[in-house]
Structure formats: C-alpha cells, structure tokens
N, C-alpha and C. Protein backbone atom coordinates (compact mmCIF):
# COMPACT_ATOMS: atom_id res chain seq x y z
N LYS A 1 103.51 63.38 86.19
CA LYS A 1 104.61 64.36 86.03
C LYS A 1 104.79 65.13 87.32
N VAL A 2 103.70 65.47 88.00
CA VAL A 2 103.84 66.25 89.27
C VAL A 2 104.59 65.43 90.29
N HIS A 3 104.24 64.18 90.42
CA HIS A 3 104.93 63.33 91.35
C HIS A 3 106.38 63.20 91.03
N GLU A 4 106.70 63.00 89.80
CA GLU A 4 108.10 62.90 89.40
C GLU A 4 108.87 64.14 89.73
N GLU A 5 108.29 65.33 89.48
CA GLU A 5 108.92 66.59 89.75
C GLU A 5 109.15 66.79 91.25
N ILE A 6 108.18 66.38 92.07
CA ILE A 6 108.32 66.51 93.50
C ILE A 6 109.41 65.60 94.00
N GLU A 7 109.42 64.37 93.55
CA GLU A 7 110.48 63.39 93.92
C GLU A 7 111.88 63.90 93.51
N ARG A 8 111.97 64.50 92.32
CA ARG A 8 113.28 64.95 91.81
C ARG A 8 113.79 66.15 92.65
N VAL A 9 112.88 67.10 92.95
CA VAL A 9 113.29 68.35 93.62
C VAL A 9 113.38 68.20 95.11
N ILE A 10 112.35 67.60 95.71
CA ILE A 10 112.30 67.54 97.14
C ILE A 10 112.81 66.19 97.72
N GLY A 11 112.48 65.14 97.04
CA GLY A 11 112.87 63.82 97.54
C GLY A 11 111.91 63.33 98.59
N THR A 12 112.34 62.40 99.39
CA THR A 12 111.45 61.81 100.42
C THR A 12 111.92 62.09 101.82
N ASN A 13 113.05 62.79 101.95
CA ASN A 13 113.61 63.01 103.29
C ASN A 13 113.23 64.34 103.97
N ARG A 14 112.57 65.24 103.23
CA ARG A 14 112.21 66.56 103.86
C ARG A 14 110.91 67.06 103.35
N ALA A 15 110.37 68.08 104.02
CA ALA A 15 109.16 68.73 103.59
C ALA A 15 109.46 69.80 102.57
N PRO A 16 108.52 70.13 101.69
CA PRO A 16 108.75 71.20 100.70
C PRO A 16 108.81 72.54 101.36
N SER A 17 109.54 73.51 100.72
CA SER A 17 109.62 74.83 101.26
C SER A 17 109.42 75.80 100.09
N LEU A 18 109.26 77.09 100.37
CA LEU A 18 109.06 78.08 99.35
C LEU A 18 110.27 78.18 98.46
N MET A 19 111.39 77.82 98.92
CA MET A 19 112.64 77.88 98.09
C MET A 19 112.54 76.87 96.93
N ASP A 20 111.75 75.83 97.06
CA ASP A 20 111.59 74.81 96.03
C ASP A 20 110.68 75.27 94.88
N LYS A 21 109.91 76.30 95.08
CA LYS A 21 108.91 76.77 94.15
C LYS A 21 109.50 77.10 92.76
N ALA A 22 110.64 77.72 92.74
CA ALA A 22 111.28 78.09 91.49
C ALA A 22 111.73 76.86 90.64
N GLN A 23 111.94 75.78 91.31
CA GLN A 23 112.43 74.58 90.62
C GLN A 23 111.31 73.62 90.24
N MET A 24 110.04 74.02 90.52
CA MET A 24 108.93 73.15 90.29
C MET A 24 107.83 73.85 89.47
N PRO A 25 108.08 74.23 88.23
CA PRO A 25 107.08 74.96 87.43
C PRO A 25 105.86 74.13 87.10
N TYR A 26 106.04 72.86 86.81
CA TYR A 26 104.89 72.03 86.47
C TYR A 26 103.92 71.82 87.65
N THR A 27 104.47 71.64 88.81
CA THR A 27 103.66 71.47 90.02
C THR A 27 102.97 72.78 90.31
N GLU A 28 103.62 73.87 90.22
CA GLU A 28 102.99 75.17 90.46
C GLU A 28 101.86 75.41 89.43
N ALA A 29 102.07 75.12 88.19
CA ALA A 29 101.05 75.34 87.16
C ALA A 29 99.84 74.44 87.43
N THR A 30 100.09 73.24 87.88
CA THR A 30 98.99 72.27 88.21
C THR A 30 98.16 72.82 89.37
N ILE A 31 98.79 73.31 90.40
CA ILE A 31 98.07 73.83 91.55
C ILE A 31 97.27 75.08 91.15
N MET A 32 97.86 75.98 90.34
CA MET A 32 97.11 77.14 89.88
C MET A 32 95.90 76.77 89.06
N GLU A 33 96.04 75.75 88.20
CA GLU A 33 94.91 75.35 87.36
C GLU A 33 93.80 74.67 88.21
N VAL A 34 94.15 73.95 89.25
CA VAL A 34 93.12 73.39 90.13
C VAL A 34 92.39 74.49 90.83
N GLN A 35 93.13 75.50 91.32
CA GLN A 35 92.53 76.63 92.01
C GLN A 35 91.62 77.42 91.05
N ARG A 36 91.97 77.52 89.82
CA ARG A 36 91.17 78.23 88.80
C ARG A 36 89.87 77.52 88.51
N LEU A 37 89.90 76.19 88.47
CA LEU A 37 88.73 75.40 88.05
C LEU A 37 87.78 75.10 89.19
N THR A 38 88.28 75.05 90.43
CA THR A 38 87.41 74.66 91.54
C THR A 38 87.45 75.68 92.64
N VAL A 39 86.44 75.70 93.47
CA VAL A 39 86.42 76.59 94.59
C VAL A 39 87.16 75.93 95.75
N VAL A 40 88.32 76.46 96.07
CA VAL A 40 89.12 75.82 97.15
C VAL A 40 88.60 76.32 98.52
N VAL A 41 88.28 77.59 98.59
CA VAL A 41 87.77 78.22 99.82
C VAL A 41 86.49 78.97 99.48
N PRO A 42 85.42 78.67 100.24
CA PRO A 42 84.20 79.45 99.96
C PRO A 42 84.43 80.94 100.19
N LEU A 43 83.99 81.79 99.24
CA LEU A 43 84.21 83.20 99.40
C LEU A 43 83.04 83.97 100.01
N ALA A 44 81.88 83.36 100.04
CA ALA A 44 80.70 84.02 100.61
C ALA A 44 80.31 83.41 101.91
N ILE A 45 79.71 84.23 102.76
CA ILE A 45 79.21 83.73 104.04
C ILE A 45 77.86 83.11 103.77
N PRO A 46 77.47 82.17 104.61
CA PRO A 46 76.16 81.51 104.39
C PRO A 46 75.00 82.55 104.55
N HIS A 47 73.97 82.41 103.74
CA HIS A 47 72.87 83.33 103.75
C HIS A 47 71.65 82.74 104.45
N MET A 48 71.91 81.73 105.21
CA MET A 48 70.80 81.08 105.97
C MET A 48 71.37 80.57 107.28
N THR A 49 70.55 80.21 108.17
CA THR A 49 71.01 79.70 109.43
C THR A 49 71.55 78.29 109.24
N SER A 50 72.51 77.92 110.05
CA SER A 50 73.04 76.55 109.96
C SER A 50 72.30 75.60 110.91
N GLU A 51 71.41 76.13 111.69
CA GLU A 51 70.57 75.32 112.56
C GLU A 51 69.16 75.77 112.48
N ASN A 52 68.24 74.89 112.83
CA ASN A 52 66.83 75.26 112.89
C ASN A 52 66.59 76.15 114.03
N THR A 53 66.10 77.37 113.82
CA THR A 53 65.84 78.33 114.88
C THR A 53 64.45 78.19 115.47
N GLY A 54 63.55 77.46 114.82
CA GLY A 54 62.20 77.32 115.29
C GLY A 54 61.33 78.49 114.81
N LYS A 55 61.89 79.47 114.17
CA LYS A 55 61.15 80.59 113.71
C LYS A 55 61.17 80.66 112.19
N SER A 56 60.05 80.90 111.66
CA SER A 56 59.97 80.93 110.21
C SER A 56 59.52 82.32 109.80
N ARG A 57 60.30 82.91 108.89
CA ARG A 57 59.96 84.22 108.27
C ARG A 57 59.76 85.29 109.37
N VAL A 58 60.53 85.27 110.39
CA VAL A 58 60.45 86.25 111.44
C VAL A 58 61.71 87.11 111.38
N PHE A 59 61.56 88.41 111.42
CA PHE A 59 62.69 89.32 111.39
C PHE A 59 63.42 89.24 112.72
N LEU A 60 64.72 89.05 112.67
CA LEU A 60 65.51 88.89 113.90
C LEU A 60 66.06 90.22 114.38
N PHE A 61 65.82 91.28 113.58
CA PHE A 61 66.40 92.61 113.94
C PHE A 61 65.25 93.51 114.37
N GLU A 62 65.51 94.32 115.38
CA GLU A 62 64.47 95.27 115.84
C GLU A 62 64.70 96.55 115.05
N TYR A 63 63.61 97.17 114.65
CA TYR A 63 63.65 98.47 113.95
C TYR A 63 63.22 99.54 114.89
N PRO A 64 63.93 100.66 114.93
CA PRO A 64 63.59 101.75 115.90
C PRO A 64 62.26 102.39 115.60
C-alpha cells in the first residue's frame, strides 16, 4: 500500500517534498509506526570507550 500511494502521489519523475505529506496519510502513518517501534537514532552517548585505551579501571580525571 505504501508503494502504491507513493507511485500515485509522487510518481517516478520527481523526488518527494513536504507538500506531498498531506496527500500521503498511509505512508506517514507507516513511518511514524516504524519510528515508534524501533530506535532510529541512538539517544544516549556511549558509556565506554570505543577503543582500547590500555588502562583498566583508572580514573581519567584529576581531582583537586
């Protein structure tokens, strides 16, 4: 259904624009449901190093 709606509203000759949003409720609902069910963008920063630092359990901050 999403593909049919995109073909009907946008066609194959141009890229979609925000003006098309009002004419594509099924596609918008599908996108919103995917975003609700899955993490599209990670919201938290990593809590560990991304590389091996060679130091284990060593505080990296100096305390006054």
